[in-house]
PDB file of N, CA and C in Angstrom:
ATOM      1  N   UNK A   1     181.582 -48.873 162.016  1.00  0.00           N
ATOM      2  CA  UNK A   1     182.346 -47.651 161.913  1.00  0.00           C
ATOM      3  C   UNK A   1     181.958 -46.869 160.659  1.00  0.00           C
ATOM      4  N   UNK A   2     181.779 -47.585 159.539  1.00  0.00           N
ATOM      5  CA  UNK A   2     181.406 -46.906 158.301  1.00  0.00           C
ATOM      6  C   UNK A   2     180.043 -46.239 158.427  1.00  0.00           C
ATOM      7  N   UNK A   3     179.126 -46.895 159.119  1.00  0.00           N
ATOM      8  CA  UNK A   3     177.789 -46.333 159.271  1.00  0.00           C
ATOM      9  C   UNK A   3     177.835 -45.024 160.051  1.00  0.00           C
ATOM     10  N   UNK A   4     178.641 -44.988 161.114  1.00  0.00           N
ATOM     11  CA  UNK A   4     178.763 -43.769 161.909  1.00  0.00           C
ATOM     12  C   UNK A   4     179.365 -42.640 161.065  1.00  0.00           C
ATOM     13  N   UNK A   5     180.396 -42.972 160.301  1.00  0.00           N
ATOM     14  CA  UNK A   5     181.045 -41.963 159.461  1.00  0.00           C
ATOM     15  C   UNK A   5     180.074 -41.435 158.419  1.00  0.00           C
ATOM     16  N   UNK A   6     179.350 -42.323 157.768  1.00  0.00           N
ATOM     17  CA  UNK A   6     178.379 -41.889 156.768  1.00  0.00           C
ATOM     18  C   UNK A   6     177.270 -41.056 157.397  1.00  0.00           C
ATOM     19  N   UNK A   7     176.846 -41.445 158.589  1.00  0.00           N
ATOM     20  CA  UNK A   7     175.808 -40.693 159.297  1.00  0.00           C
ATOM     21  C   UNK A   7     176.298 -39.286 159.631  1.00  0.00           C
ATOM     22  N   UNK A   8     177.538 -39.176 160.110  1.00  0.00           N
ATOM     23  CA  UNK A   8     178.102 -37.863 160.444  1.00  0.00           C
ATOM     24  C   UNK A   8     178.242 -37.011 159.184  1.00  0.00           C
ATOM     25  N   UNK A   9     178.713 -37.612 158.098  1.00  0.00           N
ATOM     26  CA  UNK A   9     178.833 -36.876 156.830  1.00  0.00           C
ATOM     27  C   UNK A   9     177.463 -36.402 156.368  1.00  0.00           C
ATOM     28  N   UNK A  10     176.459 -37.258 156.487  1.00  0.00           N
ATOM     29  CA  UNK A  10     175.103 -36.886 156.092  1.00  0.00           C
ATOM     30  C   UNK A  10     174.589 -35.721 156.939  1.00  0.00           C
ATOM     31  N   UNK A  11     174.825 -35.753 158.240  1.00  0.00           N
ATOM     32  CA  UNK A  11     174.398 -34.666 159.130  1.00  0.00           C
ATOM     33  C   UNK A  11     175.091 -33.363 158.735  1.00  0.00           C
ATOM     34  N   UNK A  12     176.395 -33.430 158.453  1.00  0.00           N
ATOM     35  CA  UNK A  12     177.145 -32.233 158.057  1.00  0.00           C
ATOM     36  C   UNK A  12     176.585 -31.671 156.753  1.00  0.00           C
ATOM     37  N   UNK A  13     176.314 -32.519 155.788  1.00  0.00           N
ATOM     38  CA  UNK A  13     175.765 -32.062 154.506  1.00  0.00           C
ATOM     39  C   UNK A  13     174.402 -31.410 154.711  1.00  0.00           C
ATOM     40  N   UNK A  14     173.571 -31.994 155.540  1.00  0.00           N
ATOM     41  CA  UNK A  14     172.246 -31.419 155.816  1.00  0.00           C
ATOM     42  C   UNK A  14     172.390 -30.054 156.483  1.00  0.00           C
ATOM     43  N   UNK A  15     173.332 -29.924 157.414  1.00  0.00           N
ATOM     44  CA  UNK A  15     173.547 -28.630 158.082  1.00  0.00           C
ATOM     45  C   UNK A  15     174.022 -27.574 157.090  1.00  0.00           C
ATOM     46  N   UNK A  16     174.952 -27.947 156.222  1.00  0.00           N
ATOM     47  CA  UNK A  16     175.455 -27.003 155.218  1.00  0.00           C
ATOM     48  C   UNK A  16     174.328 -26.587 154.281  1.00  0.00           C
ATOM     49  N   UNK A  17     173.517 -27.535 153.862  1.00  0.00           N
ATOM     50  CA  UNK A  17     172.385 -27.205 152.988  1.00  0.00           C
ATOM     51  C   UNK A  17     171.404 -26.281 153.698  1.00  0.00           C
ATOM     52  N   UNK A  18     171.161 -26.515 154.984  1.00  0.00           N
ATOM     53  CA  UNK A  18     170.260 -25.654 155.751  1.00  0.00           C
ATOM     54  C   UNK A  18     170.769 -24.226 155.812  1.00  0.00           C
ATOM     55  N   UNK A  19     172.067 -24.065 156.049  1.00  0.00           N
ATOM     56  CA  UNK A  19     172.660 -22.724 156.095  1.00  0.00           C
ATOM     57  C   UNK A  19     172.538 -22.054 154.731  1.00  0.00           C
ATOM     58  N   UNK A  20     172.808 -22.803 153.662  1.00  0.00           N
ATOM     59  CA  UNK A  20     172.714 -22.245 152.310  1.00  0.00           C
ATOM     60  C   UNK A  20     171.278 -21.812 152.002  1.00  0.00           C
ATOM     61  N   UNK A  21     170.319 -22.622 152.378  1.00  0.00           N
ATOM     62  CA  UNK A  21     168.911 -22.291 152.128  1.00  0.00           C
ATOM     63  C   UNK A  21     168.511 -21.044 152.904  1.00  0.00           C
ATOM     64  N   UNK A  22     168.951 -20.927 154.140  1.00  0.00           N
ATOM     65  CA  UNK A  22     168.633 -19.733 154.935  1.00  0.00           C
ATOM     66  C   UNK A  22     169.262 -18.493 154.311  1.00  0.00           C
ATOM     67  N   UNK A  23     170.492 -18.617 153.823  1.00  0.00           N
ATOM     68  CA  UNK A  23     171.161 -17.491 153.161  1.00  0.00           C
ATOM     69  C   UNK A  23     170.372 -17.071 151.927  1.00  0.00           C
ATOM     70  N   UNK A  24     169.937 -18.030 151.143  1.00  0.00           N
ATOM     71  CA  UNK A  24     169.153 -17.724 149.951  1.00  0.00           C
ATOM     72  C   UNK A  24     167.830 -17.060 150.319  1.00  0.00           C
ATOM     73  N   UNK A  25     167.207 -17.484 151.397  1.00  0.00           N
ATOM     74  CA  UNK A  25     165.942 -16.904 151.842  1.00  0.00           C
ATOM     75  C   UNK A  25     166.135 -15.450 152.250  1.00  0.00           C
ATOM     76  N   UNK A  26     167.237 -15.162 152.952  1.00  0.00           N
ATOM     77  CA  UNK A  26     167.527 -13.783 153.357  1.00  0.00           C
ATOM     78  C   UNK A  26     167.742 -12.909 152.120  1.00  0.00           C
ATOM     79  N   UNK A  27     168.492 -13.416 151.146  1.00  0.00           N
ATOM     80  CA  UNK A  27     168.721 -12.657 149.914  1.00  0.00           C
ATOM     81  C   UNK A  27     167.408 -12.429 149.172  1.00  0.00           C
ATOM     82  N   UNK A  28     166.548 -13.424 149.142  1.00  0.00           N
ATOM     83  CA  UNK A  28     165.252 -13.287 148.483  1.00  0.00           C
ATOM     84  C   UNK A  28     164.408 -12.219 149.164  1.00  0.00           C
ATOM     85  N   UNK A  29     164.418 -12.200 150.483  1.00  0.00           N
ATOM     86  CA  UNK A  29     163.670 -11.179 151.221  1.00  0.00           C
ATOM     87  C   UNK A  29     164.192  -9.784 150.904  1.00  0.00           C
ATOM     88  N   UNK A  30     165.521  -9.642 150.792  1.00  0.00           N
ATOM     89  CA  UNK A  30     166.109  -8.346 150.456  1.00  0.00           C
ATOM     90  C   UNK A  30     165.698  -7.919 149.047  1.00  0.00           C
ATOM     91  N   UNK A  31     165.697  -8.858 148.116  1.00  0.00           N
ATOM     92  CA  UNK A  31     165.301  -8.543 146.742  1.00  0.00           C
ATOM     93  C   UNK A  31     163.832  -8.138 146.696  1.00  0.00           C
ATOM     94  N   UNK A  32     162.983  -8.852 147.429  1.00  0.00           N
ATOM     95  CA  UNK A  32     161.557  -8.500 147.466  1.00  0.00           C
ATOM     96  C   UNK A  32     161.360  -7.102 148.026  1.00  0.00           C
ATOM     97  N   UNK A  33     162.135  -6.750 149.054  1.00  0.00           N
ATOM     98  CA  UNK A  33     162.036  -5.419 149.650  1.00  0.00           C
ATOM     99  C   UNK A  33     162.459  -4.355 148.639  1.00  0.00           C
ATOM    100  N   UNK A  34     163.549  -4.604 147.929  1.00  0.00           N
ATOM    101  CA  UNK A  34     164.032  -3.659 146.923  1.00  0.00           C
ATOM    102  C   UNK A  34     163.010  -3.497 145.803  1.00  0.00           C
ATOM    103  N   UNK A  35     162.438  -4.597 145.359  1.00  0.00           N
ATOM    104  CA  UNK A  35     161.431  -4.540 144.299  1.00  0.00           C
ATOM    105  C   UNK A  35     160.213  -3.745 144.760  1.00  0.00           C
ATOM    106  N   UNK A  36     159.789  -3.952 145.990  1.00  0.00           N
ATOM    107  CA  UNK A  36     158.634  -3.216 146.518  1.00  0.00           C
ATOM    108  C   UNK A  36     158.926  -1.716 146.579  1.00  0.00           C
ATOM    109  N   UNK A  37     160.142  -1.346 146.993  1.00  0.00           N
ATOM    110  CA  UNK A  37     160.512   0.069 147.043  1.00  0.00           C
ATOM    111  C   UNK A  37     160.508   0.681 145.644  1.00  0.00           C
ATOM    112  N   UNK A  38     161.076  -0.028 144.689  1.00  0.00           N
ATOM    113  CA  UNK A  38     161.130   0.492 143.318  1.00  0.00           C
ATOM    114  C   UNK A  38     159.728   0.580 142.708  1.00  0.00           C
ATOM    115  N   UNK A  39     158.870  -0.379 143.009  1.00  0.00           N
ATOM    116  CA  UNK A  39     157.499  -0.344 142.500  1.00  0.00           C
ATOM    117  C   UNK A  39     156.742   0.835 143.090  1.00  0.00           C
ATOM    118  N   UNK A  40     156.964   1.119 144.372  1.00  0.00           N
ATOM    119  CA  UNK A  40     156.321   2.275 145.003  1.00  0.00           C
ATOM    120  C   UNK A  40     156.787   3.568 144.338  1.00  0.00           C
ATOM    121  N   UNK A  41     158.078   3.651 144.021  1.00  0.00           N
ATOM    122  CA  UNK A  41     158.605   4.832 143.336  1.00  0.00           C
ATOM    123  C   UNK A  41     157.986   4.972 141.947  1.00  0.00           C
ATOM    124  N   UNK A  42     157.861   3.859 141.232  1.00  0.00           N
ATOM    125  CA  UNK A  42     157.261   3.886 139.890  1.00  0.00           C
ATOM    126  C   UNK A  42     155.807   4.330 139.971  1.00  0.00           C
ATOM    127  N   UNK A  43     155.064   3.797 140.932  1.00  0.00           N
ATOM    128  CA  UNK A  43     153.658   4.186 141.094  1.00  0.00           C
ATOM    129  C   UNK A  43     153.537   5.675 141.394  1.00  0.00           C
ATOM    130  N   UNK A  44     154.410   6.183 142.264  1.00  0.00           N
ATOM    131  CA  UNK A  44     154.394   7.606 142.613  1.00  0.00           C
ATOM    132  C   UNK A  44     154.704   8.454 141.378  1.00  0.00           C
ATOM    133  N   UNK A  45     155.700   8.041 140.612  1.00  0.00           N
ATOM    134  CA  UNK A  45     156.085   8.780 139.410  1.00  0.00           C
ATOM    135  C   UNK A  45     154.956   8.767 138.386  1.00  0.00           C
ATOM    136  N   UNK A  46     154.317   7.622 138.193  1.00  0.00           N
ATOM    137  CA  UNK A  46     153.198   7.545 137.251  1.00  0.00           C
ATOM    138  C   UNK A  46     152.060   8.468 137.676  1.00  0.00           C
ATOM    139  N   UNK A  47     151.791   8.530 138.969  1.00  0.00           N
ATOM    140  CA  UNK A  47     150.739   9.409 139.473  1.00  0.00           C
ATOM    141  C   UNK A  47     151.095  10.868 139.198  1.00  0.00           C
ATOM    142  N   UNK A  48     152.360  11.245 139.439  1.00  0.00           N
ATOM    143  CA  UNK A  48     152.798  12.616 139.176  1.00  0.00           C
ATOM    144  C   UNK A  48     152.695  12.946 137.690  1.00  0.00           C
ATOM    145  N   UNK A  49     153.045  11.998 136.842  1.00  0.00           N
ATOM    146  CA  UNK A  49     152.946  12.217 135.395  1.00  0.00           C
ATOM    147  C   UNK A  49     151.491  12.400 134.990  1.00  0.00           C
ATOM    148  N   UNK A  50     150.609  11.570 135.522  1.00  0.00           N
ATOM    149  CA  UNK A  50     149.183  11.703 135.208  1.00  0.00           C
ATOM    150  C   UNK A  50     148.644  13.058 135.653  1.00  0.00           C
ATOM    151  N   UNK A  51     149.076  13.523 136.835  1.00  0.00           N
ATOM    152  CA  UNK A  51     148.641  14.837 137.312  1.00  0.00           C
ATOM    153  C   UNK A  51     149.158  15.944 136.395  1.00  0.00           C
ATOM    154  N   UNK A  52     150.406  15.833 135.956  1.00  0.00           N
ATOM    155  CA  UNK A  52     150.977  16.840 135.062  1.00  0.00           C
ATOM    156  C   UNK A  52     150.253  16.845 133.722  1.00  0.00           C
ATOM    157  N   UNK A  53     149.951  15.678 133.195  1.00  0.00           N
ATOM    158  CA  UNK A  53     149.229  15.593 131.919  1.00  0.00           C
ATOM    159  C   UNK A  53     147.842  16.204 132.061  1.00  0.00           C
ATOM    160  N   UNK A  54     147.192  15.942 133.182  1.00  0.00           N
ATOM    161  CA  UNK A  54     145.859  16.517 133.407  1.00  0.00           C
ATOM    162  C   UNK A  54     145.930  18.038 133.460  1.00  0.00           C
ATOM    163  N   UNK A  55     146.946  18.580 134.118  1.00  0.00           N
ATOM    164  CA  UNK A  55     147.100  20.035 134.174  1.00  0.00           C
ATOM    165  C   UNK A  55     147.376  20.620 132.798  1.00  0.00           C
ATOM    166  N   UNK A  56     148.220  19.956 132.030  1.00  0.00           N
ATOM    167  CA  UNK A  56     148.523  20.442 130.677  1.00  0.00           C
ATOM    168  C   UNK A  56     147.262  20.437 129.831  1.00  0.00           C
ATOM    169  N   UNK A  57     146.492  19.374 129.914  1.00  0.00           N
ATOM    170  CA  UNK A  57     145.250  19.310 129.141  1.00  0.00           C
ATOM    171  C   UNK A  57     144.271  20.389 129.592  1.00  0.00           C
ATOM    172  N   UNK A  58     144.233  20.646 130.889  1.00  0.00           N
ATOM    173  CA  UNK A  58     143.289  21.624 131.431  1.00  0.00           C
ATOM    174  C   UNK A  58     143.633  23.039 130.970  1.00  0.00           C
ATOM    175  N   UNK A  59     144.913  23.381 130.966  1.00  0.00           N
ATOM    176  CA  UNK A  59     145.314  24.758 130.687  1.00  0.00           C
ATOM    177  C   UNK A  59     145.844  24.977 129.271  1.00  0.00           C
ATOM    178  N   UNK A  60     145.763  23.984 128.426  1.00  0.00           N
ATOM    179  CA  UNK A  60     146.224  24.159 127.051  1.00  0.00           C
ATOM    180  C   UNK A  60     145.116  24.795 126.227  1.00  0.00           C
ATOM    181  N   UNK A  61     145.500  25.788 125.438  1.00  0.00           N
ATOM    182  CA  UNK A  61     144.525  26.511 124.625  1.00  0.00           C
ATOM    183  C   UNK A  61     144.330  25.864 123.260  1.00  0.00           C
ATOM    184  N   UNK A  62     145.174  24.936 122.914  1.00  0.00           N
ATOM    185  CA  UNK A  62     145.083  24.320 121.590  1.00  0.00           C
ATOM    186  C   UNK A  62     143.881  23.384 121.574  1.00  0.00           C
ATOM    187  N   UNK A  63     143.051  23.578 120.585  1.00  0.00           N
ATOM    188  CA  UNK A  63     141.873  22.725 120.425  1.00  0.00           C
ATOM    189  C   UNK A  63     142.147  21.697 119.326  1.00  0.00           C
ATOM    190  N   UNK A  64     141.466  20.605 119.401  1.00  0.00           N
ATOM    191  CA  UNK A  64     141.610  19.572 118.391  1.00  0.00           C
ATOM    192  C   UNK A  64     140.815  19.992 117.162  1.00  0.00           C
ATOM    193  N   UNK A  65     141.488  20.267 116.038  1.00  0.00           N
ATOM    194  CA  UNK A  65     140.772  20.727 114.844  1.00  0.00           C
ATOM    195  C   UNK A  65     139.948  19.624 114.179  1.00  0.00           C
ATOM    196  N   UNK A  66     140.170  18.399 114.535  1.00  0.00           N
ATOM    197  CA  UNK A  66     139.480  17.290 113.883  1.00  0.00           C
ATOM    198  C   UNK A  66     138.218  16.878 114.620  1.00  0.00           C
ATOM    199  N   UNK A  67     137.845  17.601 115.663  1.00  0.00           N
ATOM    200  CA  UNK A  67     136.629  17.270 116.411  1.00  0.00           C
ATOM    201  C   UNK A  67     135.408  17.686 115.647  1.00  0.00           C
TER     202      UNK A  67
END
């Protein structure tokens, strides 16, 4: 009788752990998706900043006096 009870308890614990692991995996996937979206936004912003800096350098009349 004790063996059956311990076996059932072990099965229940394994099932609970499996559910917890799956929940953690789903949360990890959501975090990875959010990070990828934010990284794409950062890359886009950096590109826009580089383009703006290039335009400013192109159309600025100030010359470097130390050249």
